[in-house]
């Protein structure tokens, strides 16, 4: 007997703080990536497609589906903001 199916996995990709376009509150906006995987004996084997990206407001919980180019730009902006906010740490000797 072979047991197969699918499973959707959700991963937090990035987060930024800015004003939500729905609730008009400055809160963390989180970017999630959902990917559906083919499973064999309950183990994920390979993903179907590229997955979907959605942005979620941490204050109101509203979610917006983003196309991949906008999700990539969101991720790059979040990394740039995090690098600018963290002070440079001198190397340990």
PDB file of N, CA and C in Angstrom:
ATOM      1  N   UNK A   1       0.830  -1.164   0.000  1.00  0.00           N
ATOM      2  CA  UNK A   1       0.000   0.000   0.000  1.00  0.00           C
ATOM      3  C   UNK A   1       0.889   1.247   0.000  1.00  0.00           C
ATOM      4  N   UNK A   2       0.640   2.142  -0.950  1.00  0.00           N
ATOM      5  CA  UNK A   2       1.398   3.389  -1.065  1.00  0.00           C
ATOM      6  C   UNK A   2       0.503   4.532  -0.609  1.00  0.00           C
ATOM      7  N   UNK A   3       1.010   5.336   0.308  1.00  0.00           N
ATOM      8  CA  UNK A   3       0.249   6.480   0.817  1.00  0.00           C
ATOM      9  C   UNK A   3       0.867   7.750   0.245  1.00  0.00           C
ATOM     10  N   UNK A   4       0.059   8.517  -0.521  1.00  0.00           N
ATOM     11  CA  UNK A   4       0.545   9.759  -1.093  1.00  0.00           C
ATOM     12  C   UNK A   4      -0.517  10.834  -0.923  1.00  0.00           C
ATOM     13  N   UNK A   5      -0.097  12.084  -1.081  1.00  0.00           N
ATOM     14  CA  UNK A   5      -1.026  13.202  -0.938  1.00  0.00           C
ATOM     15  C   UNK A   5      -0.298  14.514  -1.141  1.00  0.00           C
ATOM     16  N   UNK A   6      -0.790  15.553  -0.499  1.00  0.00           N
ATOM     17  CA  UNK A   6      -0.146  16.865  -0.601  1.00  0.00           C
ATOM     18  C   UNK A   6      -0.238  17.575   0.742  1.00  0.00           C
ATOM     19  N   UNK A   7       0.661  18.534   0.946  1.00  0.00           N
ATOM     20  CA  UNK A   7       0.708  19.312   2.169  1.00  0.00           C
ATOM     21  C   UNK A   7       1.140  20.723   1.802  1.00  0.00           C
ATOM     22  N   UNK A   8       0.493  21.714   2.389  1.00  0.00           N
ATOM     23  CA  UNK A   8       0.869  23.105   2.172  1.00  0.00           C
ATOM     24  C   UNK A   8       1.706  23.576   3.348  1.00  0.00           C
ATOM     25  N   UNK A   9       2.873  24.121   3.041  1.00  0.00           N
ATOM     26  CA  UNK A   9       3.771  24.649   4.064  1.00  0.00           C
ATOM     27  C   UNK A   9       3.860  26.154   3.915  1.00  0.00           C
ATOM     28  N   UNK A  10       3.820  26.859   5.046  1.00  0.00           N
ATOM     29  CA  UNK A  10       3.874  28.317   5.059  1.00  0.00           C
ATOM     30  C   UNK A  10       5.160  28.743   5.755  1.00  0.00           C
ATOM     31  N   UNK A  11       5.880  29.677   5.126  1.00  0.00           N
ATOM     32  CA  UNK A  11       7.164  30.130   5.659  1.00  0.00           C
ATOM     33  C   UNK A  11       7.175  31.659   5.722  1.00  0.00           C
ATOM     34  N   UNK A  12       7.629  32.215   6.853  1.00  0.00           N
ATOM     35  CA  UNK A  12       7.795  33.654   6.980  1.00  0.00           C
ATOM     36  C   UNK A  12       9.053  34.062   6.225  1.00  0.00           C
ATOM     37  N   UNK A  13       8.903  34.959   5.252  1.00  0.00           N
ATOM     38  CA  UNK A  13      10.030  35.356   4.402  1.00  0.00           C
ATOM     39  C   UNK A  13      10.680  36.623   4.924  1.00  0.00           C
ATOM     40  N   UNK A  14       9.871  37.658   5.222  1.00  0.00           N
ATOM     41  CA  UNK A  14      10.416  38.942   5.660  1.00  0.00           C
ATOM     42  C   UNK A  14       9.339  39.713   6.413  1.00  0.00           C
ATOM     43  N   UNK A  15       9.763  40.765   7.103  1.00  0.00           N
ATOM     44  CA  UNK A  15       8.829  41.643   7.805  1.00  0.00           C
ATOM     45  C   UNK A  15       9.370  43.071   7.769  1.00  0.00           C
ATOM     46  N   UNK A  16       8.450  44.012   7.657  1.00  0.00           N
ATOM     47  CA  UNK A  16       8.791  45.432   7.669  1.00  0.00           C
ATOM     48  C   UNK A  16       7.721  46.172   8.443  1.00  0.00           C
ATOM     49  N   UNK A  17       8.079  47.327   8.994  1.00  0.00           N
ATOM     50  CA  UNK A  17       7.102  48.154   9.693  1.00  0.00           C
ATOM     51  C   UNK A  17       6.760  49.343   8.808  1.00  0.00           C
ATOM     52  N   UNK A  18       5.487  49.427   8.424  1.00  0.00           N
ATOM     53  CA  UNK A  18       4.961  50.585   7.708  1.00  0.00           C
ATOM     54  C   UNK A  18       3.447  50.586   7.834  1.00  0.00           C
ATOM     55  N   UNK A  19       2.797  51.620   7.304  1.00  0.00           N
ATOM     56  CA  UNK A  19       1.362  51.790   7.470  1.00  0.00           C
ATOM     57  C   UNK A  19       0.574  50.804   6.610  1.00  0.00           C
ATOM     58  N   UNK A  20      -0.380  50.127   7.241  1.00  0.00           N
ATOM     59  CA  UNK A  20      -1.273  49.206   6.540  1.00  0.00           C
ATOM     60  C   UNK A  20      -2.255  50.022   5.705  1.00  0.00           C
ATOM     61  N   UNK A  21      -2.514  49.596   4.483  1.00  0.00           N
ATOM     62  CA  UNK A  21      -3.411  50.351   3.617  1.00  0.00           C
ATOM     63  C   UNK A  21      -4.881  50.125   3.962  1.00  0.00           C
ATOM     64  N   UNK A  22      -5.182  49.180   4.843  1.00  0.00           N
ATOM     65  CA  UNK A  22      -6.566  48.920   5.226  1.00  0.00           C
ATOM     66  C   UNK A  22      -6.928  49.549   6.571  1.00  0.00           C
ATOM     67  N   UNK A  23      -6.132  49.307   7.610  1.00  0.00           N
ATOM     68  CA  UNK A  23      -6.466  49.827   8.936  1.00  0.00           C
ATOM     69  C   UNK A  23      -5.796  51.170   9.236  1.00  0.00           C
ATOM     70  N   UNK A  24      -4.866  51.602   8.396  1.00  0.00           N
ATOM     71  CA  UNK A  24      -4.152  52.879   8.545  1.00  0.00           C
ATOM     72  C   UNK A  24      -3.379  52.983   9.864  1.00  0.00           C
ATOM     73  N   UNK A  25      -2.845  51.854  10.330  1.00  0.00           N
ATOM     74  CA  UNK A  25      -2.028  51.811  11.536  1.00  0.00           C
ATOM     75  C   UNK A  25      -0.625  51.379  11.139  1.00  0.00           C
ATOM     76  N   UNK A  26       0.382  52.029  11.714  1.00  0.00           N
ATOM     77  CA  UNK A  26       1.757  51.628  11.434  1.00  0.00           C
ATOM     78  C   UNK A  26       2.074  50.386  12.251  1.00  0.00           C
ATOM     79  N   UNK A  27       2.227  49.270  11.571  1.00  0.00           N
ATOM     80  CA  UNK A  27       2.458  47.982  12.225  1.00  0.00           C
ATOM     81  C   UNK A  27       3.346  47.119  11.342  1.00  0.00           C
ATOM     82  N   UNK A  28       3.788  46.008  11.884  1.00  0.00           N
ATOM     83  CA  UNK A  28       4.634  45.086  11.119  1.00  0.00           C
ATOM     84  C   UNK A  28       3.813  44.430  10.014  1.00  0.00           C
ATOM     85  N   UNK A  29       4.327  44.490   8.810  1.00  0.00           N
ATOM     86  CA  UNK A  29       3.717  43.823   7.659  1.00  0.00           C
ATOM     87  C   UNK A  29       4.605  42.625   7.352  1.00  0.00           C
ATOM     88  N   UNK A  30       4.032  41.440   7.419  1.00  0.00           N
ATOM     89  CA  UNK A  30       4.808  40.210   7.270  1.00  0.00           C
ATOM     90  C   UNK A  30       4.528  39.573   5.914  1.00  0.00           C
ATOM     91  N   UNK A  31       5.581  39.072   5.279  1.00  0.00           N
ATOM     92  CA  UNK A  31       5.462  38.409   3.986  1.00  0.00           C
ATOM     93  C   UNK A  31       5.610  36.905   4.191  1.00  0.00           C
ATOM     94  N   UNK A  32       4.592  36.136   3.766  1.00  0.00           N
ATOM     95  CA  UNK A  32       4.594  34.688   3.881  1.00  0.00           C
ATOM     96  C   UNK A  32       4.608  34.066   2.490  1.00  0.00           C
ATOM     97  N   UNK A  33       5.238  32.891   2.383  1.00  0.00           N
ATOM     98  CA  UNK A  33       5.229  32.123   1.141  1.00  0.00           C
ATOM     99  C   UNK A  33       4.591  30.774   1.428  1.00  0.00           C
ATOM    100  N   UNK A  34       3.532  30.453   0.695  1.00  0.00           N
ATOM    101  CA  UNK A  34       2.845  29.165   0.833  1.00  0.00           C
ATOM    102  C   UNK A  34       3.217  28.284  -0.353  1.00  0.00           C
ATOM    103  N   UNK A  35       3.677  27.078  -0.060  1.00  0.00           N
ATOM    104  CA  UNK A  35       4.068  26.136  -1.100  1.00  0.00           C
ATOM    105  C   UNK A  35       3.380  24.799  -0.843  1.00  0.00           C
ATOM    106  N   UNK A  36       2.799  24.225  -1.881  1.00  0.00           N
ATOM    107  CA  UNK A  36       2.159  22.915  -1.772  1.00  0.00           C
ATOM    108  C   UNK A  36       3.156  21.848  -2.224  1.00  0.00           C
ATOM    109  N   UNK A  37       3.341  20.828  -1.399  1.00  0.00           N
ATOM    110  CA  UNK A  37       4.298  19.758  -1.656  1.00  0.00           C
ATOM    111  C   UNK A  37       3.578  18.436  -1.888  1.00  0.00           C
ATOM    112  N   UNK A  38       4.081  17.644  -2.805  1.00  0.00           N
ATOM    113  CA  UNK A  38       3.645  16.261  -2.982  1.00  0.00           C
ATOM    114  C   UNK A  38       4.285  15.446  -1.872  1.00  0.00           C
ATOM    115  N   UNK A  39       3.483  14.619  -1.185  1.00  0.00           N
ATOM    116  CA  UNK A  39       4.018  13.815  -0.090  1.00  0.00           C
ATOM    117  C   UNK A  39       3.881  12.330  -0.411  1.00  0.00           C
ATOM    118  N   UNK A  40       4.845  11.578   0.040  1.00  0.00           N
ATOM    119  CA  UNK A  40       4.854  10.125  -0.093  1.00  0.00           C
ATOM    120  C   UNK A  40       5.152   9.562   1.288  1.00  0.00           C
ATOM    121  N   UNK A  41       4.240   8.782   1.834  1.00  0.00           N
ATOM    122  CA  UNK A  41       4.338   8.285   3.203  1.00  0.00           C
ATOM    123  C   UNK A  41       4.530   9.447   4.188  1.00  0.00           C
ATOM    124  N   UNK A  42       3.783  10.533   3.958  1.00  0.00           N
ATOM    125  CA  UNK A  42       3.749  11.724   4.812  1.00  0.00           C
ATOM    126  C   UNK A  42       5.049  12.530   4.797  1.00  0.00           C
ATOM    127  N   UNK A  43       5.958  12.253   3.891  1.00  0.00           N
ATOM    128  CA  UNK A  43       7.202  13.008   3.757  1.00  0.00           C
ATOM    129  C   UNK A  43       7.122  13.885   2.511  1.00  0.00           C
ATOM    130  N   UNK A  44       7.423  15.176   2.618  1.00  0.00           N
ATOM    131  CA  UNK A  44       7.392  16.037   1.436  1.00  0.00           C
ATOM    132  C   UNK A  44       8.497  15.648   0.454  1.00  0.00           C
ATOM    133  N   UNK A  45       8.115  15.476  -0.830  1.00  0.00           N
ATOM    134  CA  UNK A  45       9.065  15.028  -1.848  1.00  0.00           C
ATOM    135  C   UNK A  45       9.469  16.173  -2.772  1.00  0.00           C
ATOM    136  N   UNK A  46       8.488  16.844  -3.407  1.00  0.00           N
ATOM    137  CA  UNK A  46       8.802  17.968  -4.288  1.00  0.00           C
ATOM    138  C   UNK A  46       7.626  18.948  -4.284  1.00  0.00           C
ATOM    139  N   UNK A  47       7.926  20.253  -4.526  1.00  0.00           N
ATOM    140  CA  UNK A  47       6.859  21.266  -4.506  1.00  0.00           C
ATOM    141  C   UNK A  47       6.115  21.337  -5.836  1.00  0.00           C
ATOM    142  N   UNK A  48       4.873  21.772  -5.786  1.00  0.00           N
ATOM    143  CA  UNK A  48       4.083  22.069  -6.986  1.00  0.00           C
ATOM    144  C   UNK A  48       4.239  23.559  -7.259  1.00  0.00           C
ATOM    145  N   UNK A  49       4.744  23.935  -8.408  1.00  0.00           N
ATOM    146  CA  UNK A  49       4.829  25.349  -8.791  1.00  0.00           C
ATOM    147  C   UNK A  49       5.802  26.151  -7.941  1.00  0.00           C
ATOM    148  N   UNK A  50       5.618  27.473  -7.964  1.00  0.00           N
ATOM    149  CA  UNK A  50       6.516  28.389  -7.251  1.00  0.00           C
ATOM    150  C   UNK A  50       5.971  28.818  -5.904  1.00  0.00           C
ATOM    151  N   UNK A  51       4.713  28.558  -5.642  1.00  0.00           N
ATOM    152  CA  UNK A  51       4.109  28.982  -4.390  1.00  0.00           C
ATOM    153  C   UNK A  51       3.445  30.340  -4.550  1.00  0.00           C
ATOM    154  N   UNK A  52       2.743  30.758  -3.516  1.00  0.00           N
ATOM    155  CA  UNK A  52       2.085  32.056  -3.529  1.00  0.00           C
ATOM    156  C   UNK A  52       2.616  32.898  -2.382  1.00  0.00           C
ATOM    157  N   UNK A  53       2.656  34.193  -2.595  1.00  0.00           N
ATOM    158  CA  UNK A  53       3.122  35.137  -1.588  1.00  0.00           C
ATOM    159  C   UNK A  53       1.939  35.943  -1.093  1.00  0.00           C
ATOM    160  N   UNK A  54       1.883  36.162   0.218  1.00  0.00           N
ATOM    161  CA  UNK A  54       0.853  37.027   0.773  1.00  0.00           C
ATOM    162  C   UNK A  54       1.439  37.860   1.899  1.00  0.00           C
ATOM    163  N   UNK A  55       0.976  39.109   1.964  1.00  0.00           N
ATOM    164  CA  UNK A  55       1.422  40.050   2.975  1.00  0.00           C
ATOM    165  C   UNK A  55       0.316  40.166   4.009  1.00  0.00           C
ATOM    166  N   UNK A  56       0.676  40.098   5.287  1.00  0.00           N
ATOM    167  CA  UNK A  56      -0.296  40.124   6.370  1.00  0.00           C
ATOM    168  C   UNK A  56       0.054  41.230   7.358  1.00  0.00           C
ATOM    169  N   UNK A  57      -0.958  41.998   7.760  1.00  0.00           N
ATOM    170  CA  UNK A  57      -0.773  43.053   8.762  1.00  0.00           C
ATOM    171  C   UNK A  57      -0.846  42.415  10.147  1.00  0.00           C
ATOM    172  N   UNK A  58       0.108  42.726  11.014  1.00  0.00           N
ATOM    173  CA  UNK A  58       0.107  42.143  12.352  1.00  0.00           C
ATOM    174  C   UNK A  58      -0.926  42.801  13.259  1.00  0.00           C
ATOM    175  N   UNK A  59      -1.455  43.955  12.869  1.00  0.00           N
ATOM    176  CA  UNK A  59      -2.448  44.650  13.698  1.00  0.00           C
ATOM    177  C   UNK A  59      -3.868  44.198  13.376  1.00  0.00           C
ATOM    178  N   UNK A  60      -4.272  44.308  12.107  1.00  0.00           N
ATOM    179  CA  UNK A  60      -5.652  43.978  11.731  1.00  0.00           C
ATOM    180  C   UNK A  60      -5.785  42.566  11.165  1.00  0.00           C
ATOM    181  N   UNK A  61      -4.687  41.937  10.747  1.00  0.00           N
ATOM    182  CA  UNK A  61      -4.733  40.581  10.232  1.00  0.00           C
ATOM    183  C   UNK A  61      -5.144  40.472   8.772  1.00  0.00           C
ATOM    184  N   UNK A  62      -5.343  41.597   8.105  1.00  0.00           N
ATOM    185  CA  UNK A  62      -5.743  41.562   6.700  1.00  0.00           C
ATOM    186  C   UNK A  62      -4.595  41.038   5.843  1.00  0.00           C
ATOM    187  N   UNK A  63      -4.928  40.220   4.854  1.00  0.00           N
ATOM    188  CA  UNK A  63      -3.926  39.634   3.980  1.00  0.00           C
ATOM    189  C   UNK A  63      -4.125  40.090   2.544  1.00  0.00           C
ATOM    190  N   UNK A  64      -3.009  40.317   1.849  1.00  0.00           N
ATOM    191  CA  UNK A  64      -3.021  40.716   0.452  1.00  0.00           C
ATOM    192  C   UNK A  64      -2.107  39.770  -0.312  1.00  0.00           C
ATOM    193  N   UNK A  65      -2.581  39.237  -1.422  1.00  0.00           N
ATOM    194  CA  UNK A  65      -1.756  38.363  -2.262  1.00  0.00           C
ATOM    195  C   UNK A  65      -0.852  39.242  -3.118  1.00  0.00           C
ATOM    196  N   UNK A  66       0.436  38.917  -3.131  1.00  0.00           N
ATOM    197  CA  UNK A  66       1.417  39.676  -3.903  1.00  0.00           C
ATOM    198  C   UNK A  66       1.961  38.832  -5.045  1.00  0.00           C
ATOM    199  N   UNK A  67       2.181  39.458  -6.215  1.00  0.00           N
ATOM    200  CA  UNK A  67       2.890  38.738  -7.280  1.00  0.00           C
ATOM    201  C   UNK A  67       4.372  38.591  -6.899  1.00  0.00           C
ATOM    202  N   UNK A  68       5.036  37.672  -7.538  1.00  0.00           N
ATOM    203  CA  UNK A  68       6.421  37.357  -7.185  1.00  0.00           C
ATOM    204  C   UNK A  68       7.379  38.554  -7.298  1.00  0.00           C
ATOM    205  N   UNK A  69       7.305  39.409  -8.354  1.00  0.00           N
ATOM    206  CA  UNK A  69       8.230  40.546  -8.404  1.00  0.00           C
ATOM    207  C   UNK A  69       8.056  41.505  -7.222  1.00  0.00           C
ATOM    208  N   UNK A  70       6.817  41.739  -6.788  1.00  0.00           N
ATOM    209  CA  UNK A  70       6.587  42.612  -5.642  1.00  0.00           C
ATOM    210  C   UNK A  70       7.080  41.958  -4.351  1.00  0.00           C
ATOM    211  N   UNK A  71       6.934  40.643  -4.236  1.00  0.00           N
ATOM    212  CA  UNK A  71       7.427  39.933  -3.060  1.00  0.00           C
ATOM    213  C   UNK A  71       8.955  39.994  -2.996  1.00  0.00           C
ATOM    214  N   UNK A  72       9.611  39.866  -4.141  1.00  0.00           N
ATOM    215  CA  UNK A  72      11.076  39.980  -4.179  1.00  0.00           C
ATOM    216  C   UNK A  72      11.519  41.383  -3.777  1.00  0.00           C
ATOM    217  N   UNK A  73      10.793  42.399  -4.233  1.00  0.00           N
ATOM    218  CA  UNK A  73      11.128  43.785  -3.871  1.00  0.00           C
ATOM    219  C   UNK A  73      10.908  44.016  -2.376  1.00  0.00           C
ATOM    220  N   UNK A  74       9.822  43.472  -1.812  1.00  0.00           N
ATOM    221  CA  UNK A  74       9.540  43.571  -0.383  1.00  0.00           C
ATOM    222  C   UNK A  74      10.678  42.950   0.427  1.00  0.00           C
ATOM    223  N   UNK A  75      11.136  41.771  -0.002  1.00  0.00           N
ATOM    224  CA  UNK A  75      12.227  41.082   0.686  1.00  0.00           C
ATOM    225  C   UNK A  75      13.519  41.884   0.626  1.00  0.00           C
ATOM    226  N   UNK A  76      13.836  42.446  -0.548  1.00  0.00           N
ATOM    227  CA  UNK A  76      15.056  43.249  -0.690  1.00  0.00           C
ATOM    228  C   UNK A  76      14.983  44.501   0.176  1.00  0.00           C
ATOM    229  N   UNK A  77      13.824  45.152   0.220  1.00  0.00           N
ATOM    230  CA  UNK A  77      13.663  46.343   1.061  1.00  0.00           C
ATOM    231  C   UNK A  77      13.806  45.996   2.536  1.00  0.00           C
ATOM    232  N   UNK A  78      13.257  44.859   2.955  1.00  0.00           N
ATOM    233  CA  UNK A  78      13.352  44.436   4.352  1.00  0.00           C
ATOM    234  C   UNK A  78      14.804  44.149   4.735  1.00  0.00           C
ATOM    235  N   UNK A  79      15.549  43.516   3.841  1.00  0.00           N
ATOM    236  CA  UNK A  79      16.954  43.228   4.121  1.00  0.00           C
ATOM    237  C   UNK A  79      17.768  44.519   4.185  1.00  0.00           C
ATOM    238  N   UNK A  80      17.480  45.454   3.289  1.00  0.00           N
ATOM    239  CA  UNK A  80      18.181  46.727   3.277  1.00  0.00           C
ATOM    240  C   UNK A  80      17.890  47.523   4.560  1.00  0.00           C
ATOM    241  N   UNK A  81      16.638  47.524   4.997  1.00  0.00           N
ATOM    242  CA  UNK A  81      16.254  48.232   6.216  1.00  0.00           C
ATOM    243  C   UNK A  81      16.914  47.603   7.436  1.00  0.00           C
ATOM    244  N   UNK A  82      16.946  46.278   7.494  1.00  0.00           N
ATOM    245  CA  UNK A  82      17.570  45.584   8.624  1.00  0.00           C
ATOM    246  C   UNK A  82      19.070  45.844   8.671  1.00  0.00           C
ATOM    247  N   UNK A  83      19.717  45.900   7.516  1.00  0.00           N
ATOM    248  CA  UNK A  83      21.159  46.157   7.480  1.00  0.00           C
ATOM    249  C   UNK A  83      21.473  47.582   7.906  1.00  0.00           C
ATOM    250  N   UNK A  84      20.621  48.532   7.541  1.00  0.00           N
ATOM    251  CA  UNK A  84      20.845  49.929   7.916  1.00  0.00           C
ATOM    252  C   UNK A  84      20.560  50.166   9.394  1.00  0.00           C
ATOM    253  N   UNK A  85      19.635  49.408   9.983  1.00  0.00           N
ATOM    254  CA  UNK A  85      19.241  49.613  11.369  1.00  0.00           C
ATOM    255  C   UNK A  85      20.220  48.984  12.346  1.00  0.00           C
ATOM    256  N   UNK A  86      20.872  47.906  11.956  1.00  0.00           N
ATOM    257  CA  UNK A  86      21.789  47.242  12.881  1.00  0.00           C
ATOM    258  C   UNK A  86      23.171  47.900  12.833  1.00  0.00           C
ATOM    259  N   UNK A  87      23.733  48.221  13.993  1.00  0.00           N
ATOM    260  CA  UNK A  87      25.062  48.835  14.002  1.00  0.00           C
ATOM    261  C   UNK A  87      26.132  47.830  13.604  1.00  0.00           C
ATOM    262  N   UNK A  88      27.193  48.345  13.057  1.00  0.00           N
ATOM    263  CA  UNK A  88      28.314  47.480  12.655  1.00  0.00           C
ATOM    264  C   UNK A  88      29.005  46.957  13.907  1.00  0.00           C
ATOM    265  N   UNK A  89      29.196  45.660  13.968  1.00  0.00           N
ATOM    266  CA  UNK A  89      29.823  45.023  15.107  1.00  0.00           C
ATOM    267  C   UNK A  89      31.276  44.755  14.753  1.00  0.00           C
ATOM    268  N   UNK A  90      32.208  45.201  15.587  1.00  0.00           N
ATOM    269  CA  UNK A  90      33.622  44.933  15.287  1.00  0.00           C
ATOM    270  C   UNK A  90      33.911  43.433  15.374  1.00  0.00           C
ATOM    271  N   UNK A  91      34.844  42.949  14.574  1.00  0.00           N
ATOM    272  CA  UNK A  91      35.154  41.516  14.602  1.00  0.00           C
ATOM    273  C   UNK A  91      35.762  41.098  15.921  1.00  0.00           C
ATOM    274  N   UNK A  92      35.454  39.888  16.345  1.00  0.00           N
ATOM    275  CA  UNK A  92      36.007  39.335  17.589  1.00  0.00           C
ATOM    276  C   UNK A  92      37.418  38.828  17.328  1.00  0.00           C
ATOM    277  N   UNK A  93      38.287  39.041  18.290  1.00  0.00           N
ATOM    278  CA  UNK A  93      39.674  38.600  18.150  1.00  0.00           C
ATOM    279  C   UNK A  93      39.884  37.302  18.867  1.00  0.00           C
TER     280      UNK A  93
END
